Amino acid sequence: MKINFSKDAKEFIFKLRDFISKDNPSKAKQYTQKLVSRITNMLQHPYIGKVNATFDNKTIREIVLDGMKIIYKIYPTSVAVLMIYKYIDFDESHIEMD
């Protein structure tokens, strides 16, 4: 299954890498690469996540990984990672769907 990351999801990953790199640049790259790999591997089984309560649509699901919520949409041949954010401090009602 092909996994695509939205602009917002990529932005979060880049900001996370930049934040970590302030203390340890090599760890920042290593961690973000591992995070993307773990997300990609988990989403090979897209129904592993629960239906997102905000959207209440069986094709829009979420998983929590390392304190981050990953919201994604399942398509027939791919999965789109819509948003990644810190689990505690984000209001997901602001996510725009295309």
N, C-alpha and C. Protein backbone atom coordinates (compact mmCIF):
# COMPACT_ATOMS: atom_id res chain seq x y z
N MET A 1 0.85 -1.17 0.00
CA MET A 1 0.00 0.00 0.00
C MET A 1 0.89 1.24 0.00
N LYS A 2 0.56 2.18 -0.85
CA LYS A 2 1.33 3.42 -0.94
C LYS A 2 0.90 4.38 0.17
N ILE A 3 1.87 5.00 0.83
CA ILE A 3 1.61 5.94 1.92
C ILE A 3 2.05 7.33 1.44
N ASN A 4 1.15 8.29 1.49
CA ASN A 4 1.45 9.67 1.11
C ASN A 4 1.32 10.57 2.34
N PHE A 5 2.19 11.54 2.45
CA PHE A 5 2.14 12.49 3.56
C PHE A 5 1.69 13.85 3.03
N SER A 6 0.69 14.43 3.67
CA SER A 6 0.21 15.76 3.28
C SER A 6 1.28 16.81 3.59
N LYS A 7 1.06 17.99 3.06
CA LYS A 7 1.98 19.10 3.34
C LYS A 7 2.06 19.37 4.84
N ASP A 8 0.90 19.35 5.52
CA ASP A 8 0.88 19.60 6.97
C ASP A 8 1.64 18.53 7.74
N ALA A 9 1.48 17.28 7.33
CA ALA A 9 2.18 16.18 8.01
C ALA A 9 3.69 16.32 7.82
N LYS A 10 4.11 16.64 6.60
CA LYS A 10 5.54 16.83 6.33
C LYS A 10 6.08 18.01 7.14
N GLU A 11 5.31 19.09 7.19
CA GLU A 11 5.73 20.27 7.96
C GLU A 11 5.97 19.93 9.42
N PHE A 12 5.08 19.14 10.00
CA PHE A 12 5.24 18.74 11.39
C PHE A 12 6.54 17.96 11.58
N ILE A 13 6.81 17.04 10.67
CA ILE A 13 8.03 16.22 10.77
C ILE A 13 9.27 17.10 10.65
N PHE A 14 9.26 18.06 9.72
CA PHE A 14 10.41 18.96 9.56
C PHE A 14 10.60 19.84 10.79
N LYS A 15 9.50 20.34 11.35
CA LYS A 15 9.59 21.17 12.56
C LYS A 15 10.10 20.35 13.74
N LEU A 16 9.64 19.12 13.84
CA LEU A 16 10.12 18.24 14.90
C LEU A 16 11.61 18.00 14.76
N ARG A 17 12.05 17.73 13.54
CA ARG A 17 13.48 17.51 13.28
C ARG A 17 14.29 18.76 13.66
N ASP A 18 13.80 19.94 13.26
CA ASP A 18 14.50 21.18 13.57
C ASP A 18 14.57 21.42 15.08
N PHE A 19 13.50 21.11 15.79
CA PHE A 19 13.48 21.29 17.24
C PHE A 19 14.49 20.37 17.91
N ILE A 20 14.49 19.11 17.53
CA ILE A 20 15.43 18.14 18.13
C ILE A 20 16.87 18.49 17.77
N SER A 21 17.07 18.99 16.55
CA SER A 21 18.44 19.27 16.10
C SER A 21 19.11 20.41 16.86
N LYS A 22 18.33 21.20 17.57
CA LYS A 22 18.93 22.26 18.39
C LYS A 22 19.85 21.65 19.45
N ASP A 23 19.49 20.47 19.93
CA ASP A 23 20.29 19.78 20.94
C ASP A 23 21.19 18.69 20.35
N ASN A 24 20.69 18.04 19.30
CA ASN A 24 21.44 16.90 18.77
C ASN A 24 21.06 16.66 17.30
N PRO A 25 21.77 17.29 16.36
CA PRO A 25 21.43 17.18 14.94
C PRO A 25 21.39 15.74 14.40
N SER A 26 22.33 14.91 14.81
CA SER A 26 22.35 13.54 14.28
C SER A 26 21.16 12.73 14.81
N LYS A 27 20.80 12.94 16.07
CA LYS A 27 19.64 12.26 16.65
C LYS A 27 18.34 12.73 15.99
N ALA A 28 18.29 14.02 15.63
CA ALA A 28 17.09 14.58 15.00
C ALA A 28 16.81 13.87 13.68
N LYS A 29 17.81 13.74 12.86
CA LYS A 29 17.64 13.07 11.57
C LYS A 29 17.28 11.60 11.79
N GLN A 30 17.98 10.96 12.69
CA GLN A 30 17.75 9.54 12.97
C GLN A 30 16.32 9.31 13.49
N TYR A 31 15.87 10.14 14.42
CA TYR A 31 14.54 9.98 15.00
C TYR A 31 13.46 10.20 13.95
N THR A 32 13.56 11.27 13.17
CA THR A 32 12.49 11.56 12.20
C THR A 32 12.44 10.50 11.09
N GLN A 33 13.59 9.99 10.68
CA GLN A 33 13.59 8.91 9.69
C GLN A 33 12.92 7.66 10.27
N LYS A 34 13.22 7.37 11.52
CA LYS A 34 12.62 6.20 12.17
C LYS A 34 11.11 6.40 12.35
N LEU A 35 10.69 7.61 12.69
CA LEU A 35 9.27 7.93 12.85
C LEU A 35 8.52 7.70 11.55
N VAL A 36 9.04 8.22 10.45
CA VAL A 36 8.40 8.05 9.14
C VAL A 36 8.34 6.57 8.78
N SER A 37 9.41 5.84 9.06
CA SER A 37 9.44 4.41 8.77
C SER A 37 8.40 3.66 9.59
N ARG A 38 8.28 4.00 10.87
CA ARG A 38 7.30 3.34 11.74
C ARG A 38 5.88 3.64 11.29
N ILE A 39 5.61 4.89 10.92
CA ILE A 39 4.28 5.25 10.43
C ILE A 39 3.97 4.48 9.15
N THR A 40 4.92 4.46 8.24
CA THR A 40 4.74 3.76 6.96
C THR A 40 4.49 2.28 7.19
N ASN A 41 5.24 1.66 8.08
CA ASN A 41 5.05 0.24 8.37
C ASN A 41 3.70 -0.04 9.01
N MET A 42 3.31 0.78 9.99
CA MET A 42 2.02 0.56 10.65
C MET A 42 0.86 0.70 9.68
N LEU A 43 0.96 1.66 8.78
CA LEU A 43 -0.15 1.94 7.88
C LEU A 43 -0.23 0.98 6.70
N GLN A 44 0.67 0.01 6.65
CA GLN A 44 0.50 -1.07 5.68
C GLN A 44 -0.73 -1.88 6.06
N HIS A 45 -1.19 -1.72 7.29
CA HIS A 45 -2.40 -2.36 7.81
C HIS A 45 -3.30 -1.21 8.29
N PRO A 46 -3.90 -0.47 7.37
CA PRO A 46 -4.56 0.79 7.72
C PRO A 46 -5.73 0.68 8.69
N TYR A 47 -6.36 -0.47 8.76
CA TYR A 47 -7.51 -0.60 9.65
C TYR A 47 -7.09 -0.87 11.09
N ILE A 48 -5.78 -0.82 11.36
CA ILE A 48 -5.25 -0.99 12.71
C ILE A 48 -5.68 0.18 13.60
N GLY A 49 -5.84 1.36 13.01
CA GLY A 49 -6.21 2.54 13.78
C GLY A 49 -7.71 2.61 14.02
N LYS A 50 -8.09 3.43 15.01
CA LYS A 50 -9.51 3.57 15.29
C LYS A 50 -10.09 4.71 14.45
N VAL A 51 -11.40 4.65 14.23
CA VAL A 51 -12.10 5.70 13.49
C VAL A 51 -11.97 7.00 14.29
N ASN A 52 -11.60 8.08 13.60
CA ASN A 52 -11.45 9.36 14.26
C ASN A 52 -12.82 9.93 14.62
N ALA A 53 -13.02 10.24 15.89
CA ALA A 53 -14.33 10.68 16.39
C ALA A 53 -14.76 12.03 15.81
N THR A 54 -13.81 12.89 15.50
CA THR A 54 -14.15 14.21 14.96
C THR A 54 -14.82 14.09 13.60
N PHE A 55 -14.28 13.24 12.75
CA PHE A 55 -14.82 13.10 11.39
C PHE A 55 -15.90 12.03 11.29
N ASP A 56 -15.87 11.03 12.18
CA ASP A 56 -16.85 9.95 12.20
C ASP A 56 -17.07 9.38 10.80
N ASN A 57 -15.96 9.02 10.17
CA ASN A 57 -15.97 8.46 8.82
C ASN A 57 -15.04 7.25 8.86
N LYS A 58 -15.52 6.08 8.44
CA LYS A 58 -14.72 4.87 8.59
C LYS A 58 -13.42 4.88 7.81
N THR A 59 -13.26 5.81 6.85
CA THR A 59 -12.01 5.88 6.10
C THR A 59 -11.01 6.86 6.72
N ILE A 60 -11.44 7.61 7.72
CA ILE A 60 -10.53 8.55 8.39
C ILE A 60 -10.27 8.00 9.79
N ARG A 61 -9.02 7.62 10.00
CA ARG A 61 -8.65 6.92 11.23
C ARG A 61 -7.46 7.59 11.89
N GLU A 62 -7.09 7.06 13.05
CA GLU A 62 -5.98 7.63 13.79
C GLU A 62 -5.22 6.55 14.53
N ILE A 63 -3.95 6.82 14.70
CA ILE A 63 -3.10 6.01 15.56
C ILE A 63 -2.32 6.98 16.44
N VAL A 64 -1.89 6.51 17.59
CA VAL A 64 -1.05 7.31 18.47
C VAL A 64 0.30 6.62 18.54
N LEU A 65 1.34 7.40 18.33
CA LEU A 65 2.71 6.87 18.29
C LEU A 65 3.64 7.89 18.93
N ASP A 66 4.37 7.49 19.94
CA ASP A 66 5.33 8.38 20.62
C ASP A 66 4.68 9.69 21.08
N GLY A 67 3.46 9.62 21.58
CA GLY A 67 2.79 10.82 22.07
C GLY A 67 2.26 11.73 20.97
N MET A 68 2.24 11.24 19.75
CA MET A 68 1.73 12.01 18.63
C MET A 68 0.53 11.29 18.03
N LYS A 69 -0.47 12.06 17.64
CA LYS A 69 -1.62 11.48 16.97
C LYS A 69 -1.41 11.63 15.47
N ILE A 70 -1.59 10.54 14.75
CA ILE A 70 -1.46 10.54 13.30
C ILE A 70 -2.86 10.28 12.74
N ILE A 71 -3.39 11.25 12.01
CA ILE A 71 -4.71 11.11 11.39
C ILE A 71 -4.48 10.83 9.92
N TYR A 72 -5.17 9.81 9.42
CA TYR A 72 -4.97 9.41 8.03
C TYR A 72 -6.28 9.00 7.38
N LYS A 73 -6.28 9.04 6.06
CA LYS A 73 -7.45 8.67 5.27
C LYS A 73 -7.08 7.47 4.40
N ILE A 74 -7.97 6.49 4.39
CA ILE A 74 -7.74 5.28 3.61
C ILE A 74 -8.43 5.42 2.24
N TYR A 75 -7.66 5.21 1.19
CA TYR A 75 -8.16 5.17 -0.18
C TYR A 75 -8.03 3.73 -0.68
N PRO A 76 -8.63 3.40 -1.81
CA PRO A 76 -8.57 2.01 -2.30
C PRO A 76 -7.15 1.45 -2.46
N THR A 77 -6.20 2.27 -2.92
CA THR A 77 -4.84 1.75 -3.15
C THR A 77 -3.76 2.51 -2.40
N SER A 78 -4.18 3.41 -1.51
CA SER A 78 -3.18 4.19 -0.79
C SER A 78 -3.76 4.70 0.54
N VAL A 79 -2.86 5.26 1.33
CA VAL A 79 -3.23 5.90 2.60
C VAL A 79 -2.59 7.29 2.59
N ALA A 80 -3.36 8.30 2.96
CA ALA A 80 -2.84 9.66 3.05
C ALA A 80 -2.75 10.06 4.51
N VAL A 81 -1.54 10.38 4.97
CA VAL A 81 -1.35 10.90 6.32
C VAL A 81 -1.74 12.38 6.24
N LEU A 82 -2.85 12.72 6.90
CA LEU A 82 -3.38 14.07 6.81
C LEU A 82 -2.71 15.03 7.77
N MET A 83 -2.46 14.54 9.00
CA MET A 83 -1.96 15.42 10.04
C MET A 83 -1.24 14.61 11.10
N ILE A 84 -0.19 15.19 11.63
CA ILE A 84 0.51 14.63 12.79
C ILE A 84 0.62 15.77 13.78
N TYR A 85 0.31 15.50 15.03
CA TYR A 85 0.44 16.54 16.04
C TYR A 85 0.61 15.94 17.42
N LYS A 86 1.12 16.78 18.32
CA LYS A 86 1.24 16.35 19.71
C LYS A 86 -0.15 16.04 20.21
N TYR A 87 -0.33 14.90 20.81
CA TYR A 87 -1.64 14.37 21.16
C TYR A 87 -2.43 15.27 22.10
N ILE A 88 -1.79 15.98 22.99
CA ILE A 88 -2.50 16.70 24.04
C ILE A 88 -2.94 18.10 23.62
N ASP A 89 -2.17 18.80 22.79
CA ASP A 89 -2.48 20.21 22.61
C ASP A 89 -2.87 20.62 21.18
N PHE A 90 -3.83 19.93 20.60
CA PHE A 90 -4.26 20.29 19.26
C PHE A 90 -5.75 20.05 19.12
N ASP A 91 -6.46 20.97 18.49
CA ASP A 91 -7.89 20.83 18.24
C ASP A 91 -8.05 20.37 16.79
N GLU A 92 -8.40 19.12 16.59
CA GLU A 92 -8.45 18.54 15.25
C GLU A 92 -9.65 18.99 14.44
N SER A 93 -10.53 19.78 14.99
CA SER A 93 -11.67 20.27 14.23
C SER A 93 -11.25 21.29 13.16
N HIS A 94 -9.98 21.73 13.18
CA HIS A 94 -9.49 22.69 12.21
C HIS A 94 -8.85 22.05 10.98
N ILE A 95 -8.81 20.74 10.92
CA ILE A 95 -8.21 20.06 9.78
C ILE A 95 -9.13 20.20 8.57
N GLU A 96 -8.55 20.61 7.45
CA GLU A 96 -9.32 20.75 6.22
C GLU A 96 -9.21 19.49 5.40
N MET A 97 -10.31 19.05 4.86
CA MET A 97 -10.35 17.86 4.01
C MET A 97 -10.56 18.32 2.57
N ASP A 98 -9.90 17.63 1.64
CA ASP A 98 -10.11 17.98 0.23
C ASP A 98 -11.07 17.04 -0.42
